[in-house]
Amino acid sequence: MRVKVTIGVPEPAKVGRAKLITEITQDKAEISVAYCGKNFNMRGEDSLSVIATCTVEAFIQTLSQRYSVT
């Protein structure tokens, strides 16, 4: 199975792509990181909140000979 992960964060350079690939147990893993999301401070405190997005696509062998989708 092949897995494709796309992550959107405000600071893509800070994402450890190599570490993420080792955490995915599939044979073929692809990680893409893009500029997206937002950093913001909701309460005016020293803590920072991050909004990020992530999609995961899993490509499996075809089962079309076993099933009929109508």
C-alpha atoms as a PDB file:
ATOM      1  CA  MET A   1       0.000   0.000   0.000  1.00  0.00           C
ATOM      2  CA  ARG A   2       1.158   3.512  -0.771  1.00  0.00           C
ATOM      3  CA  VAL A   3       0.402   6.365   1.624  1.00  0.00           C
ATOM      4  CA  LYS A   4       0.516  10.047   0.721  1.00  0.00           C
ATOM      5  CA  VAL A   5       0.362  12.628   3.526  1.00  0.00           C
ATOM      6  CA  THR A   6       0.025  16.366   2.936  1.00  0.00           C
ATOM      7  CA  ILE A   7       0.491  18.727   5.870  1.00  0.00           C
ATOM      8  CA  GLY A   8      -0.260  22.444   5.820  1.00  0.00           C
ATOM      9  CA  VAL A   9       1.409  24.551   8.517  1.00  0.00           C
ATOM     10  CA  PRO A  10       2.497  28.188   8.875  1.00  0.00           C
ATOM     11  CA  GLU A  11       6.187  27.203   9.100  1.00  0.00           C
ATOM     12  CA  PRO A  12       6.802  24.205   6.802  1.00  0.00           C
ATOM     13  CA  ALA A  13      10.568  24.201   7.375  1.00  0.00           C
ATOM     14  CA  LYS A  14      10.005  23.193  11.026  1.00  0.00           C
ATOM     15  CA  VAL A  15       8.217  19.926  10.116  1.00  0.00           C
ATOM     16  CA  GLY A  16      10.429  16.842  10.491  1.00  0.00           C
ATOM     17  CA  ARG A  17       9.528  15.001   7.264  1.00  0.00           C
ATOM     18  CA  ALA A  18      12.137  12.259   7.796  1.00  0.00           C
ATOM     19  CA  LYS A  19      10.769  11.489  11.269  1.00  0.00           C
ATOM     20  CA  LEU A  20       7.197  11.350   9.937  1.00  0.00           C
ATOM     21  CA  ILE A  21       8.185   8.891   7.216  1.00  0.00           C
ATOM     22  CA  THR A  22       9.712   6.558   9.816  1.00  0.00           C
ATOM     23  CA  GLU A  23       6.457   6.660  11.809  1.00  0.00           C
ATOM     24  CA  ILE A  24       4.371   5.536   8.816  1.00  0.00           C
ATOM     25  CA  THR A  25       4.620   1.761   8.676  1.00  0.00           C
ATOM     26  CA  GLN A  26       3.660   1.348   5.038  1.00  0.00           C
ATOM     27  CA  ASP A  27       6.191   0.418   2.362  1.00  0.00           C
ATOM     28  CA  LYS A  28       5.776   3.545   0.286  1.00  0.00           C
ATOM     29  CA  ALA A  29       5.210   6.790   2.174  1.00  0.00           C
ATOM     30  CA  GLU A  30       5.277  10.261   0.673  1.00  0.00           C
ATOM     31  CA  ILE A  31       5.163  13.394   2.834  1.00  0.00           C
ATOM     32  CA  SER A  32       4.436  16.845   1.397  1.00  0.00           C
ATOM     33  CA  VAL A  33       4.506  19.970   3.531  1.00  0.00           C
ATOM     34  CA  ALA A  34       2.951  23.227   2.352  1.00  0.00           C
ATOM     35  CA  TYR A  35       2.483  26.730   3.667  1.00  0.00           C
ATOM     36  CA  CYS A  36      -1.011  26.881   5.159  1.00  0.00           C
ATOM     37  CA  GLY A  37      -2.738  27.313   8.493  1.00  0.00           C
ATOM     38  CA  LYS A  38      -2.178  30.082  11.000  1.00  0.00           C
ATOM     39  CA  ASN A  39      -0.339  30.873  14.236  1.00  0.00           C
ATOM     40  CA  PHE A  40      -2.335  32.940  16.696  1.00  0.00           C
ATOM     41  CA  ASN A  41      -2.451  33.935  20.343  1.00  0.00           C
ATOM     42  CA  MET A  42      -6.037  33.577  21.550  1.00  0.00           C
ATOM     43  CA  ARG A  43      -5.723  34.793  25.127  1.00  0.00           C
ATOM     44  CA  GLY A  44      -2.927  37.311  24.945  1.00  0.00           C
ATOM     45  CA  GLU A  45      -0.688  34.985  26.938  1.00  0.00           C
ATOM     46  CA  ASP A  46       2.747  33.662  26.084  1.00  0.00           C
ATOM     47  CA  SER A  47       1.326  30.460  24.592  1.00  0.00           C
ATOM     48  CA  LEU A  48       0.891  30.190  20.852  1.00  0.00           C
ATOM     49  CA  SER A  49      -1.798  28.165  19.125  1.00  0.00           C
ATOM     50  CA  VAL A  50      -1.266  26.686  15.661  1.00  0.00           C
ATOM     51  CA  ILE A  51      -3.927  25.792  13.124  1.00  0.00           C
ATOM     52  CA  ALA A  52      -2.692  23.111  10.727  1.00  0.00           C
ATOM     53  CA  THR A  53      -4.317  20.910   8.101  1.00  0.00           C
ATOM     54  CA  CYS A  54      -3.522  17.358   7.126  1.00  0.00           C
ATOM     55  CA  THR A  55      -4.763  14.955   4.473  1.00  0.00           C
ATOM     56  CA  VAL A  56      -3.954  11.259   4.250  1.00  0.00           C
ATOM     57  CA  GLU A  57      -4.461   9.253   1.076  1.00  0.00           C
ATOM     58  CA  ALA A  58      -4.124   5.474   1.114  1.00  0.00           C
ATOM     59  CA  PHE A  59      -3.785   3.671  -2.202  1.00  0.00           C
ATOM     60  CA  ILE A  60      -4.613  -0.027  -1.994  1.00  0.00           C
ATOM     61  CA  GLN A  61      -4.643  -2.797  -4.550  1.00  0.00           C
ATOM     62  CA  THR A  62      -7.755  -2.888  -6.637  1.00  0.00           C
ATOM     63  CA  LEU A  63     -10.535  -5.127  -5.424  1.00  0.00           C
ATOM     64  CA  SER A  64     -12.707  -4.535  -8.472  1.00  0.00           C
ATOM     65  CA  GLN A  65     -12.811  -8.210  -9.376  1.00  0.00           C
ATOM     66  CA  ARG A  66     -14.359  -9.000  -5.963  1.00  0.00           C
ATOM     67  CA  TYR A  67     -16.869  -6.181  -5.634  1.00  0.00           C
ATOM     68  CA  SER A  68     -19.323  -4.309  -7.779  1.00  0.00           C
ATOM     69  CA  VAL A  69     -19.869  -0.643  -6.957  1.00  0.00           C
ATOM     70  CA  THR A  70     -23.048   0.790  -8.457  1.00  0.00           C
END
